[in-house]
Amino acid sequence: MPVKRKSRGRSKGGKGKGGLVQCHGCGQQVPRDKAKRVSRRVSMVDYALSKELRQKGTYIASPIETKFYCVSCAVHRGVVKVRSRTDRKQKRRRR
């Protein structure tokens, strides 16, 4: 049977069964290695206040918020783009 992708859309390699995570968009249970992970820093302090505090030399902690999306939600929200067949074959560099 033909295979669309070498990895079959997953990043588990030969690990066997992986855990499940819940999609932040639709609530679907998705394998952890197949889900798209989005991390961003969340500031607990207002921007104007944090700018003022930084000028004084204060350290402001900002926790990292991690969300997992299923492939369809990730495409819908623009986390990943739909790529042509030739573009899918090329390895993408992380920034």
C-alpha atoms as a PDB file:
ATOM      1  CA  MET A   1       0.000   0.000   0.000  1.00  0.00           C
ATOM      2  CA  PRO A   2       1.439   3.440  -0.878  1.00  0.00           C
ATOM      3  CA  VAL A   3       2.479   5.740   1.940  1.00  0.00           C
ATOM      4  CA  LYS A   4       1.943   9.499   1.738  1.00  0.00           C
ATOM      5  CA  ARG A   5       4.682  10.368   4.223  1.00  0.00           C
ATOM      6  CA  LYS A   6       7.809   8.506   5.299  1.00  0.00           C
ATOM      7  CA  SER A   7       6.985   9.120   8.966  1.00  0.00           C
ATOM      8  CA  ARG A   8       3.255   8.458   8.433  1.00  0.00           C
ATOM      9  CA  GLY A   9       2.591  11.813  10.075  1.00  0.00           C
ATOM     10  CA  ARG A  10       4.187  10.917  13.393  1.00  0.00           C
ATOM     11  CA  SER A  11       7.477  11.513  15.149  1.00  0.00           C
ATOM     12  CA  LYS A  12       7.674   8.452  17.382  1.00  0.00           C
ATOM     13  CA  GLY A  13      10.194   6.451  15.376  1.00  0.00           C
ATOM     14  CA  GLY A  14      10.246   2.868  16.674  1.00  0.00           C
ATOM     15  CA  LYS A  15       9.091   3.626  20.226  1.00  0.00           C
ATOM     16  CA  GLY A  16       5.847   1.676  20.120  1.00  0.00           C
ATOM     17  CA  LYS A  17       2.650   3.131  21.528  1.00  0.00           C
ATOM     18  CA  GLY A  18       2.801   6.729  22.760  1.00  0.00           C
ATOM     19  CA  GLY A  19       0.536   8.633  25.102  1.00  0.00           C
ATOM     20  CA  LEU A  20      -2.517  10.692  24.213  1.00  0.00           C
ATOM     21  CA  VAL A  21      -3.098  14.428  24.674  1.00  0.00           C
ATOM     22  CA  GLN A  22      -6.267  16.436  24.297  1.00  0.00           C
ATOM     23  CA  CYS A  23      -6.529  18.928  21.434  1.00  0.00           C
ATOM     24  CA  HIS A  24      -6.917  22.464  22.756  1.00  0.00           C
ATOM     25  CA  GLY A  25      -9.171  23.390  19.837  1.00  0.00           C
ATOM     26  CA  CYS A  26     -11.721  20.592  19.583  1.00  0.00           C
ATOM     27  CA  GLY A  27     -11.050  18.335  22.582  1.00  0.00           C
ATOM     28  CA  GLN A  28     -10.172  15.287  20.468  1.00  0.00           C
ATOM     29  CA  GLN A  29      -7.736  12.719  21.905  1.00  0.00           C
ATOM     30  CA  VAL A  30      -4.605  12.802  19.713  1.00  0.00           C
ATOM     31  CA  PRO A  31      -1.353  10.788  19.972  1.00  0.00           C
ATOM     32  CA  ARG A  32       1.268  13.001  21.602  1.00  0.00           C
ATOM     33  CA  ASP A  33       3.804  12.492  18.820  1.00  0.00           C
ATOM     34  CA  LYS A  34       1.271  13.383  16.113  1.00  0.00           C
ATOM     35  CA  ALA A  35      -0.148  16.503  17.812  1.00  0.00           C
ATOM     36  CA  LYS A  36       1.242  19.924  16.951  1.00  0.00           C
ATOM     37  CA  ARG A  37       2.736  21.619  19.981  1.00  0.00           C
ATOM     38  CA  VAL A  38       2.593  25.394  20.454  1.00  0.00           C
ATOM     39  CA  SER A  39       4.490  27.078  23.300  1.00  0.00           C
ATOM     40  CA  ARG A  40       4.427  30.751  24.209  1.00  0.00           C
ATOM     41  CA  ARG A  41       5.368  32.893  27.168  1.00  0.00           C
ATOM     42  CA  VAL A  42       2.526  34.454  29.121  1.00  0.00           C
ATOM     43  CA  SER A  43       3.108  37.677  31.008  1.00  0.00           C
ATOM     44  CA  MET A  44       1.300  37.999  34.327  1.00  0.00           C
ATOM     45  CA  VAL A  45       1.994  41.736  34.463  1.00  0.00           C
ATOM     46  CA  ASP A  46       0.535  44.524  32.310  1.00  0.00           C
ATOM     47  CA  TYR A  47       2.852  45.576  29.452  1.00  0.00           C
ATOM     48  CA  ALA A  48       3.224  49.212  30.571  1.00  0.00           C
ATOM     49  CA  LEU A  49       3.961  48.177  34.151  1.00  0.00           C
ATOM     50  CA  SER A  50       6.423  45.473  33.086  1.00  0.00           C
ATOM     51  CA  LYS A  51       8.273  47.972  30.872  1.00  0.00           C
ATOM     52  CA  GLU A  52       8.599  50.333  33.827  1.00  0.00           C
ATOM     53  CA  LEU A  53       9.742  47.551  36.160  1.00  0.00           C
ATOM     54  CA  ARG A  54      12.318  46.315  33.640  1.00  0.00           C
ATOM     55  CA  GLN A  55      13.838  49.789  33.466  1.00  0.00           C
ATOM     56  CA  LYS A  56      14.311  49.601  37.247  1.00  0.00           C
ATOM     57  CA  GLY A  57      16.103  46.253  36.826  1.00  0.00           C
ATOM     58  CA  THR A  58      13.405  43.921  38.107  1.00  0.00           C
ATOM     59  CA  TYR A  59      13.213  40.321  36.938  1.00  0.00           C
ATOM     60  CA  ILE A  60       9.700  39.383  35.821  1.00  0.00           C
ATOM     61  CA  ALA A  61       8.947  35.687  35.541  1.00  0.00           C
ATOM     62  CA  SER A  62       6.772  34.633  32.622  1.00  0.00           C
ATOM     63  CA  PRO A  63       5.557  31.014  32.615  1.00  0.00           C
ATOM     64  CA  ILE A  64       5.464  29.025  29.385  1.00  0.00           C
ATOM     65  CA  GLU A  65       2.006  27.986  28.190  1.00  0.00           C
ATOM     66  CA  THR A  66       1.981  24.831  26.051  1.00  0.00           C
ATOM     67  CA  LYS A  67      -0.989  23.822  23.892  1.00  0.00           C
ATOM     68  CA  PHE A  68      -1.436  20.740  21.742  1.00  0.00           C
ATOM     69  CA  TYR A  69      -3.529  20.807  18.560  1.00  0.00           C
ATOM     70  CA  CYS A  70      -4.719  18.007  16.291  1.00  0.00           C
ATOM     71  CA  VAL A  71      -3.608  18.375  12.669  1.00  0.00           C
ATOM     72  CA  SER A  72      -6.948  19.724  11.420  1.00  0.00           C
ATOM     73  CA  CYS A  73      -7.166  22.384  14.160  1.00  0.00           C
ATOM     74  CA  ALA A  74      -3.506  23.340  13.616  1.00  0.00           C
ATOM     75  CA  VAL A  75      -4.152  23.900   9.897  1.00  0.00           C
ATOM     76  CA  HIS A  76      -7.352  25.853  10.642  1.00  0.00           C
ATOM     77  CA  ARG A  77      -5.609  28.150  13.142  1.00  0.00           C
ATOM     78  CA  GLY A  78      -2.526  28.659  10.969  1.00  0.00           C
ATOM     79  CA  VAL A  79      -0.096  26.836  13.257  1.00  0.00           C
ATOM     80  CA  VAL A  80       1.022  24.731  10.277  1.00  0.00           C
ATOM     81  CA  LYS A  81       0.543  25.483   6.597  1.00  0.00           C
ATOM     82  CA  VAL A  82      -0.721  23.190   3.856  1.00  0.00           C
ATOM     83  CA  ARG A  83       2.301  22.418   1.658  1.00  0.00           C
ATOM     84  CA  SER A  84       2.590  20.984  -1.825  1.00  0.00           C
ATOM     85  CA  ARG A  85       4.045  17.529  -2.413  1.00  0.00           C
ATOM     86  CA  THR A  86       7.505  18.870  -3.367  1.00  0.00           C
ATOM     87  CA  ASP A  87       7.592  21.193  -0.359  1.00  0.00           C
ATOM     88  CA  ARG A  88       6.645  18.324   1.982  1.00  0.00           C
ATOM     89  CA  LYS A  89       9.705  16.351   0.858  1.00  0.00           C
ATOM     90  CA  GLN A  90      12.095  19.090   2.039  1.00  0.00           C
ATOM     91  CA  LYS A  91      13.166  19.201   5.658  1.00  0.00           C
ATOM     92  CA  ARG A  92      11.951  22.341   7.443  1.00  0.00           C
ATOM     93  CA  ARG A  93      14.414  24.283   9.545  1.00  0.00           C
ATOM     94  CA  ARG A  94      13.380  25.521  12.978  1.00  0.00           C
ATOM     95  CA  ARG A  95      13.939  29.184  13.694  1.00  0.00           C
END
